Amino acid sequence: MEFLGTTQLASYCGTKKSCLFPDLAPTSTTKDTYQSYYLPGYRYLSSWRPSLLHKVVSAPPRSDKQFTPPGRPPTILPASRSSLHARYSTRDWHHANVVQLKGSETSRYRAGRLNADSMRLMQDKDQLTYQMQEDSRRNLGERISNIDFWRSELIYELECLLRETQALETAKKRLECAADEMQGPLKIALECLYHREKRKGIDLVHDDVEKNLIKEVDVFKDCQEILTKLAQKISQQLGINRDAQHALEQDLSDKNSAHFIDEKCFNLRNTSDSINFYHGVEKADGTVSVPVTWAKFSEDNIRCSQHARANSVKLREDAEVGLESTSEEMWNHFISTNLAFNNRIAEVADAKNKLQAQLAKVRFTKSWQLHIILAAPERHRNLLQCLHPS
């Protein structure tokens, strides 16, 4: 007789013995499924199941006819008594719980250490990032100060160069105007020589006036050539000044662009808009300049401009000296020529007066002699009448 609801360990709950050889009891295979530590962020396929210490491998199914006698209802108890020996003891259950708790504690401890290490790493990197940002900010501030310094130097030098160039252009205009104004006196001197060639006879003499006029023409031509050469030198120097001006303006434009970029970078914050990370921007290009060559480039431009200004000042001084010397020399020759003209005119006038006086005497003598000649026959007749009266 079988009773439903009896314990599974009762001997009468077993299956009916067969007269045949008993089948081999199924062997249960166990597998350790405990995971001591889970990697953060990793999802396991059986993460929704409770983890077990062991799991029983299912035994191969058997035919119901072998265990169920005819006329007996099927039992709800396990079909094989040998499967009862695969159950766990209380000790195993407690041991599994202890292992599970220890594993959980170990996982929490490791997770805590990982969190602490992560927080410490984040703090270290945050502090390092802050220090690097402060260093970059300080370097940018120094860079902006250097750019401001060279900008001010370039602006000052450019203003000085522009003033010197304007003064040099004024000197060039004065030289060209003076050279053009010499054409009038030169033509007058040549005209005087041309008219003096119309003298006749003994008056066609190589006197002091002619000598002074020829010398005056030579002086005018020499002075005109000197002023023209100075104007040509000034034109060449103006070209050099324009090249230096272009270099200063280009350098100043580059400095303005660099100042705008560095000032914008200096004012950037972590909360600024449109901040992106670009790969490879930290790689320096070996073809660009370094701070030493960068400063030397501007210094060379300023030195070139200063040299151009010094040459311009010297040329302006030469132009002033040339104008003064040529004007003084031309004035001296003008005075000497006029003095020679006055002396010659006085000499010619004196000779003319003497000739006119002598001509008057000759004419008087001639008229008196003619009167005597005309009166001689009548006097002769009167004399004869006196000697032979009738």
Protein backbone atom coordinates (compact mmCIF):
# COMPACT_ATOMS: atom_id res chain seq x y z
CA MET A 1 0.00 0.00 0.00
CA GLU A 2 1.36 3.43 -0.88
CA PHE A 3 0.48 6.67 0.76
CA LEU A 4 0.53 9.97 -0.91
CA GLY A 5 2.36 12.72 0.84
CA THR A 6 4.94 10.52 2.60
CA THR A 7 8.54 11.59 2.96
CA GLN A 8 10.92 10.95 0.16
CA LEU A 9 13.25 8.90 2.40
CA ALA A 10 10.68 6.17 3.16
CA SER A 11 11.64 2.79 1.85
CA TYR A 12 8.20 2.11 0.46
CA CYS A 13 8.34 5.12 -1.72
CA GLY A 14 10.88 3.52 -3.99
CA THR A 15 10.13 2.10 -7.40
CA LYS A 16 9.19 -1.47 -7.99
CA LYS A 17 12.17 -3.71 -8.29
CA SER A 18 12.69 -5.43 -11.54
CA CYS A 19 13.87 -8.95 -12.01
CA LEU A 20 16.31 -7.75 -14.63
CA PHE A 21 19.71 -6.39 -13.92
CA PRO A 22 19.37 -2.93 -12.48
CA ASP A 23 20.41 -0.07 -14.66
CA LEU A 24 23.40 1.92 -13.73
CA ALA A 25 22.56 4.86 -11.57
CA PRO A 26 23.03 8.18 -13.34
CA THR A 27 26.10 10.04 -12.30
CA SER A 28 25.62 13.64 -11.36
CA THR A 29 28.14 16.12 -12.62
CA THR A 30 28.75 19.26 -10.67
CA LYS A 31 30.10 22.57 -11.92
CA ASP A 32 31.31 25.53 -9.94
CA THR A 33 29.45 28.58 -11.17
CA TYR A 34 30.63 31.09 -8.59
CA GLN A 35 32.07 34.34 -9.93
CA SER A 36 34.17 36.03 -7.29
CA TYR A 37 34.39 39.43 -8.94
CA TYR A 38 32.28 41.09 -11.61
CA LEU A 39 33.86 43.61 -13.87
CA PRO A 40 32.02 46.93 -13.76
CA GLY A 41 29.79 47.55 -16.71
CA TYR A 42 29.87 43.90 -17.87
CA ARG A 43 26.53 42.18 -18.42
CA TYR A 44 26.35 38.43 -17.98
CA LEU A 45 23.82 36.25 -19.71
CA SER A 46 22.55 34.75 -16.44
CA SER A 47 22.70 37.92 -14.40
CA TRP A 48 18.96 37.64 -13.71
CA ARG A 49 19.36 34.18 -12.07
CA PRO A 50 20.47 33.61 -8.48
CA SER A 51 23.97 32.14 -8.50
CA LEU A 52 24.24 28.54 -7.20
CA LEU A 53 27.15 26.69 -5.80
CA HIS A 54 26.36 23.58 -7.81
CA LYS A 55 23.85 22.56 -10.41
CA VAL A 56 22.66 19.04 -11.19
CA VAL A 57 23.04 17.70 -14.66
CA SER A 58 19.76 16.14 -15.72
CA ALA A 59 19.74 12.36 -16.02
CA PRO A 60 18.63 10.68 -19.24
CA PRO A 61 14.90 9.91 -19.30
CA ARG A 62 13.61 6.36 -18.75
CA SER A 63 10.63 4.56 -19.99
CA ASP A 64 7.49 4.92 -17.81
CA LYS A 65 6.66 1.29 -18.31
CA GLN A 66 9.71 0.17 -16.41
CA PHE A 67 8.73 1.98 -13.19
CA THR A 68 4.94 2.22 -13.25
CA PRO A 69 3.14 -1.13 -12.60
CA PRO A 70 -0.20 -1.68 -14.22
CA GLY A 71 -3.20 -0.48 -12.26
CA ARG A 72 -1.13 2.00 -10.15
CA PRO A 73 -1.51 5.73 -10.54
CA PRO A 74 1.68 7.71 -11.32
CA THR A 75 3.46 9.13 -8.32
CA ILE A 76 4.58 12.74 -7.99
CA LEU A 77 7.78 11.64 -6.26
CA PRO A 78 11.08 11.46 -8.13
CA ALA A 79 11.26 8.64 -10.55
CA SER A 80 14.69 7.45 -9.47
CA ARG A 81 15.73 6.81 -5.93
CA SER A 82 19.34 7.31 -6.95
CA SER A 83 18.59 11.02 -7.52
CA LEU A 84 17.96 11.40 -3.81
CA HIS A 85 21.65 10.98 -3.18
CA ALA A 86 22.37 14.23 -5.23
CA ARG A 87 20.68 16.51 -2.68
CA TYR A 88 22.73 18.91 -0.50
CA SER A 89 23.16 18.83 3.21
CA THR A 90 22.56 21.71 5.58
CA ARG A 91 26.26 22.11 5.98
CA ASP A 92 26.64 22.54 2.26
CA TRP A 93 23.84 25.08 2.27
CA HIS A 94 25.43 27.11 5.07
CA HIS A 95 28.82 26.83 3.44
CA ALA A 96 27.40 28.07 0.16
CA ASN A 97 25.79 31.03 1.92
CA VAL A 98 29.02 31.85 3.73
CA VAL A 99 30.96 31.66 0.48
CA GLN A 100 28.36 33.82 -1.23
CA LEU A 101 28.53 36.42 1.55
CA LYS A 102 32.31 36.45 1.55
CA GLY A 103 32.33 36.82 -2.22
CA SER A 104 29.85 39.66 -1.95
CA GLU A 105 31.97 41.34 0.72
CA THR A 106 35.07 40.89 -1.42
CA SER A 107 33.27 42.33 -4.44
CA ARG A 108 32.02 45.31 -2.43
CA TYR A 109 35.49 45.85 -0.98
CA ARG A 110 37.05 45.75 -4.41
CA ALA A 111 34.32 47.96 -5.79
CA GLY A 112 34.94 50.42 -2.96
CA ARG A 113 38.65 50.39 -3.65
CA LEU A 114 37.96 50.86 -7.35
CA ASN A 115 35.66 53.79 -6.58
CA ALA A 116 38.25 55.31 -4.25
CA ASP A 117 40.99 54.83 -6.82
CA SER A 118 38.75 56.29 -9.51
CA MET A 119 37.91 59.32 -7.36
CA ARG A 120 41.56 59.80 -6.44
CA LEU A 121 42.56 59.47 -10.10
CA MET A 122 39.86 61.94 -11.10
CA GLN A 123 41.03 64.38 -8.43
CA ASP A 124 44.66 63.98 -9.48
CA LYS A 125 43.82 64.48 -13.14
CA ASP A 126 41.58 67.40 -12.29
CA GLN A 127 44.33 69.01 -10.25
CA LEU A 128 46.88 68.28 -12.97
CA THR A 129 44.54 69.72 -15.59
CA TYR A 130 44.01 72.82 -13.46
CA GLN A 131 47.76 73.28 -13.02
CA MET A 132 48.36 72.80 -16.74
CA GLN A 133 45.60 75.29 -17.53
CA GLU A 134 47.13 77.79 -15.12
CA ASP A 135 50.55 77.26 -16.68
CA SER A 136 49.08 77.69 -20.14
CA ARG A 137 47.20 80.78 -18.98
CA ARG A 138 50.38 82.24 -17.51
CA ASN A 139 52.31 81.43 -20.69
CA LEU A 140 49.56 83.00 -22.79
CA GLY A 141 49.69 86.10 -20.59
CA GLU A 142 53.44 86.36 -21.07
CA ARG A 143 52.99 85.77 -24.78
CA ILE A 144 50.39 88.53 -25.01
CA SER A 145 52.74 90.87 -23.12
CA ASN A 146 55.56 90.06 -25.56
CA ILE A 147 53.26 90.62 -28.53
CA ASP A 148 52.11 93.96 -27.05
CA PHE A 149 55.73 95.01 -26.57
CA TRP A 150 56.74 94.21 -30.14
CA ARG A 151 53.50 95.73 -31.46
CA SER A 152 54.30 99.02 -29.71
CA GLU A 153 57.86 98.91 -31.04
CA LEU A 154 56.64 98.24 -34.57
CA ILE A 155 54.01 100.99 -34.38
CA TYR A 156 56.55 103.53 -33.10
CA GLU A 157 59.11 102.58 -35.73
CA LEU A 158 56.46 102.65 -38.47
CA GLU A 159 55.36 106.15 -37.45
CA CYS A 160 58.97 107.38 -37.42
CA LEU A 161 59.59 105.82 -40.83
CA LEU A 162 56.46 107.41 -42.29
CA ARG A 163 57.48 110.85 -41.00
CA GLU A 164 61.00 110.43 -42.36
CA THR A 165 59.66 109.24 -45.71
CA GLN A 166 57.37 112.26 -45.95
CA ALA A 167 60.26 114.61 -45.13
CA LEU A 168 62.43 112.87 -47.72
CA GLU A 169 59.72 113.27 -50.36
CA THR A 170 59.56 116.98 -49.53
CA ALA A 171 63.33 117.25 -49.96
CA LYS A 172 63.09 115.46 -53.29
CA LYS A 173 60.42 117.89 -54.50
CA ARG A 174 62.61 120.83 -53.47
CA LEU A 175 65.58 119.41 -55.38
CA GLU A 176 63.53 118.76 -58.50
CA CYS A 177 61.98 122.23 -58.29
CA ALA A 178 65.41 123.85 -57.82
CA ALA A 179 66.81 121.90 -60.77
CA ASP A 180 63.89 123.02 -62.92
CA GLU A 181 64.23 126.63 -61.79
CA MET A 182 67.85 126.68 -62.95
CA GLN A 183 66.69 126.41 -66.54
CA GLY A 184 65.72 130.10 -66.56
CA PRO A 185 69.11 131.56 -65.46
CA LEU A 186 70.90 129.04 -67.67
CA LYS A 187 68.94 130.14 -70.73
CA ILE A 188 69.61 133.79 -69.88
CA ALA A 189 73.35 133.17 -69.67
CA LEU A 190 73.31 131.27 -72.97
CA GLU A 191 71.23 134.04 -74.54
CA CYS A 192 73.77 136.62 -73.38
CA LEU A 193 76.58 134.65 -74.97
CA TYR A 194 74.57 134.33 -78.16
CA HIS A 195 73.89 138.06 -78.37
CA ARG A 196 77.49 138.97 -77.57
CA GLU A 197 78.53 136.99 -80.61
CA LYS A 198 76.87 139.71 -82.68
CA ARG A 199 79.60 142.20 -81.80
CA LYS A 200 81.62 143.49 -84.72
CA GLY A 201 85.18 144.28 -85.36
CA ILE A 202 87.49 144.98 -82.54
CA ASP A 203 84.58 144.84 -80.06
CA LEU A 204 84.39 141.05 -80.54
CA VAL A 205 86.78 140.64 -77.65
CA HIS A 206 87.12 137.78 -75.14
CA ASP A 207 86.61 139.98 -72.09
CA ASP A 208 85.80 139.28 -68.44
CA VAL A 209 82.08 139.35 -69.14
CA GLU A 210 82.35 136.52 -71.60
CA LYS A 211 84.55 134.55 -69.23
CA ASN A 212 82.09 135.00 -66.37
CA LEU A 213 79.15 134.08 -68.58
CA ILE A 214 80.84 130.86 -69.72
CA LYS A 215 81.76 130.00 -66.13
CA GLU A 216 78.23 130.81 -65.01
CA VAL A 217 76.80 128.44 -67.60
CA ASP A 218 79.15 125.69 -66.40
CA VAL A 219 78.21 126.36 -62.78
CA PHE A 220 74.50 126.22 -63.56
CA LYS A 221 74.93 122.91 -65.38
CA ASP A 222 77.07 121.45 -62.57
CA CYS A 223 74.61 122.54 -59.89
CA GLN A 224 71.71 121.18 -61.89
CA GLU A 225 73.51 117.84 -62.28
CA ILE A 226 74.30 117.71 -58.55
CA LEU A 227 70.69 118.34 -57.59
CA THR A 228 69.45 115.80 -60.14
CA LYS A 229 71.77 113.10 -58.79
CA LEU A 230 70.64 113.85 -55.24
CA ALA A 231 67.03 113.54 -56.35
CA GLN A 232 67.81 110.17 -57.95
CA LYS A 233 69.48 108.93 -54.75
CA ILE A 234 66.47 110.06 -52.78
CA SER A 235 64.19 108.16 -55.17
CA GLN A 236 66.20 104.99 -54.56
CA GLN A 237 66.08 105.57 -50.81
CA LEU A 238 62.34 106.08 -50.98
CA GLY A 239 62.06 102.62 -52.57
CA ILE A 240 64.09 101.15 -49.69
CA ASN A 241 61.88 102.98 -47.22
CA ARG A 242 58.77 101.59 -48.86
CA ASP A 243 60.19 98.05 -48.61
CA ALA A 244 60.94 98.57 -44.92
CA GLN A 245 57.47 100.05 -44.44
CA HIS A 246 55.87 97.03 -46.12
CA ALA A 247 57.86 94.65 -43.90
CA LEU A 248 56.82 96.56 -40.76
CA GLU A 249 53.17 96.67 -41.80
CA GLN A 250 53.15 92.93 -42.62
CA ASP A 251 54.83 92.10 -39.32
CA LEU A 252 52.40 94.37 -37.47
CA SER A 253 49.45 92.66 -39.18
CA ASP A 254 50.80 89.26 -38.12
CA LYS A 255 51.26 90.53 -34.57
CA ASN A 256 47.66 91.79 -34.52
CA SER A 257 46.38 88.40 -35.69
CA ALA A 258 48.51 86.57 -33.12
CA HIS A 259 47.37 88.96 -30.38
CA PHE A 260 43.72 88.36 -31.28
CA ILE A 261 44.16 84.57 -31.26
CA ASP A 262 46.16 84.46 -28.02
CA GLU A 263 43.78 86.85 -26.28
CA LYS A 264 40.84 84.68 -27.32
CA CYS A 265 42.65 81.60 -26.01
CA PHE A 266 43.50 83.47 -22.81
CA ASN A 267 39.82 84.22 -22.20
CA LEU A 268 38.63 80.65 -22.87
CA ARG A 269 37.17 78.74 -19.93
CA ASN A 270 35.87 75.22 -19.40
CA THR A 271 32.35 76.62 -19.71
CA SER A 272 32.98 78.46 -22.98
CA ASP A 273 30.96 77.62 -26.08
CA SER A 274 32.18 75.69 -29.11
CA ILE A 275 35.01 73.88 -27.35
CA ASN A 276 36.10 70.70 -29.12
CA PHE A 277 39.01 68.33 -28.90
CA TYR A 278 41.12 68.09 -32.03
CA HIS A 279 43.57 65.25 -32.40
CA GLY A 280 47.13 66.11 -33.32
CA VAL A 281 47.02 69.81 -32.43
CA GLU A 282 49.72 69.29 -29.83
CA LYS A 283 52.24 68.24 -32.47
CA ALA A 284 54.58 71.15 -33.13
CA ASP A 285 55.60 71.96 -36.67
CA GLY A 286 59.37 72.16 -37.01
CA THR A 287 59.16 74.62 -39.90
CA VAL A 288 57.58 77.42 -37.87
CA SER A 289 59.54 79.84 -35.73
CA VAL A 290 60.45 79.58 -32.08
CA PRO A 291 60.30 82.51 -29.61
CA VAL A 292 63.96 83.37 -30.24
CA THR A 293 63.65 83.53 -34.03
CA TRP A 294 60.21 85.14 -33.68
CA ALA A 295 61.67 88.03 -31.68
CA LYS A 296 64.72 88.22 -33.97
CA PHE A 297 62.46 88.58 -37.02
CA SER A 298 60.78 91.70 -35.61
CA GLU A 299 64.11 93.00 -34.34
CA ASP A 300 65.62 92.64 -37.82
CA ASN A 301 62.67 94.49 -39.36
CA ILE A 302 63.06 97.33 -36.86
CA ARG A 303 66.83 97.47 -37.38
CA CYS A 304 66.34 97.60 -41.16
CA SER A 305 63.87 100.45 -40.75
CA GLN A 306 66.25 102.33 -38.46
CA HIS A 307 69.06 101.92 -40.98
CA ALA A 308 66.77 103.22 -43.74
CA ARG A 309 65.81 106.20 -41.58
CA ALA A 310 69.47 106.98 -40.87
CA ASN A 311 70.25 106.95 -44.60
CA SER A 312 67.21 109.13 -45.22
CA VAL A 313 68.39 111.68 -42.65
CA LYS A 314 71.84 111.75 -44.26
CA LEU A 315 70.34 112.25 -47.71
CA ARG A 316 68.13 115.06 -46.45
CA GLU A 317 71.17 116.74 -44.93
CA ASP A 318 73.06 116.31 -48.20
CA ALA A 319 70.09 117.79 -50.03
CA GLU A 320 70.03 120.81 -47.72
CA VAL A 321 73.78 121.28 -48.07
CA GLY A 322 73.52 120.87 -51.84
CA LEU A 323 70.76 123.44 -52.10
CA GLU A 324 72.63 125.93 -49.95
CA SER A 325 75.99 125.42 -51.67
CA THR A 326 74.57 125.57 -55.19
CA SER A 327 72.45 128.60 -54.44
CA GLU A 328 75.42 130.38 -52.86
CA GLU A 329 77.71 129.47 -55.73
CA MET A 330 75.19 130.58 -58.34
CA TRP A 331 74.60 133.82 -56.46
CA ASN A 332 78.33 134.53 -56.27
CA HIS A 333 78.72 133.95 -60.00
CA PHE A 334 75.66 136.07 -60.68
CA ILE A 335 77.22 138.91 -58.70
CA SER A 336 80.60 138.54 -60.38
CA THR A 337 78.99 138.41 -63.82
CA ASN A 338 76.92 141.48 -63.09
CA LEU A 339 80.02 143.26 -61.79
CA ALA A 340 81.89 142.33 -64.96
CA PHE A 341 78.95 143.60 -66.98
CA ASN A 342 78.94 146.88 -65.06
CA ASN A 343 82.68 147.31 -65.49
CA ARG A 344 82.49 146.48 -69.16
CA ILE A 345 79.52 148.75 -69.68
CA ALA A 346 81.33 151.58 -67.88
CA GLU A 347 84.46 150.94 -69.89
CA VAL A 348 82.56 150.87 -73.15
CA ALA A 349 80.61 153.97 -72.17
CA ASP A 350 83.82 155.82 -71.29
CA ALA A 351 85.37 154.81 -74.58
CA LYS A 352 82.21 155.84 -76.36
CA ASN A 353 82.20 159.22 -74.63
CA LYS A 354 85.82 159.79 -75.51
CA LEU A 355 85.19 158.82 -79.08
CA GLN A 356 82.19 161.09 -79.25
CA ALA A 357 84.19 164.01 -77.81
CA GLN A 358 87.03 163.38 -80.20
CA LEU A 359 84.53 163.11 -83.03
CA ALA A 360 83.08 166.47 -82.09
CA LYS A 361 86.55 168.04 -82.11
CA VAL A 362 87.31 166.46 -85.45
CA ARG A 363 84.05 167.70 -86.87
CA PHE A 364 84.74 171.21 -85.54
CA THR A 365 88.22 171.20 -87.02
CA LYS A 366 86.86 169.92 -90.28
CA SER A 367 84.18 172.59 -90.44
CA TRP A 368 86.69 175.34 -89.57
CA GLN A 369 89.06 174.13 -92.23
CA LEU A 370 86.22 174.03 -94.73
CA HIS A 371 85.25 177.58 -93.77
CA ILE A 372 88.82 178.72 -94.25
CA ILE A 373 89.02 176.98 -97.58
CA LEU A 374 85.77 178.55 -98.76
CA ALA A 375 86.76 182.01 -97.52
CA ALA A 376 90.27 181.93 -99.04
CA PRO A 377 89.36 183.14 -102.62
CA GLU A 378 87.44 186.13 -101.33
CA ARG A 379 90.26 187.11 -99.03
CA HIS A 380 92.65 186.71 -101.90
CA ARG A 381 90.59 189.14 -104.01
CA ASN A 382 90.41 191.59 -101.14
CA LEU A 383 94.15 191.39 -100.72
CA LEU A 384 94.70 192.04 -104.42
CA GLN A 385 92.40 195.07 -104.34
CA CYS A 386 94.36 196.45 -101.47
CA LEU A 387 97.64 195.99 -103.29
CA HIS A 388 96.46 197.35 -106.63
CA PRO A 389 93.93 200.08 -106.07
CA SER A 390 92.23 201.42 -109.25
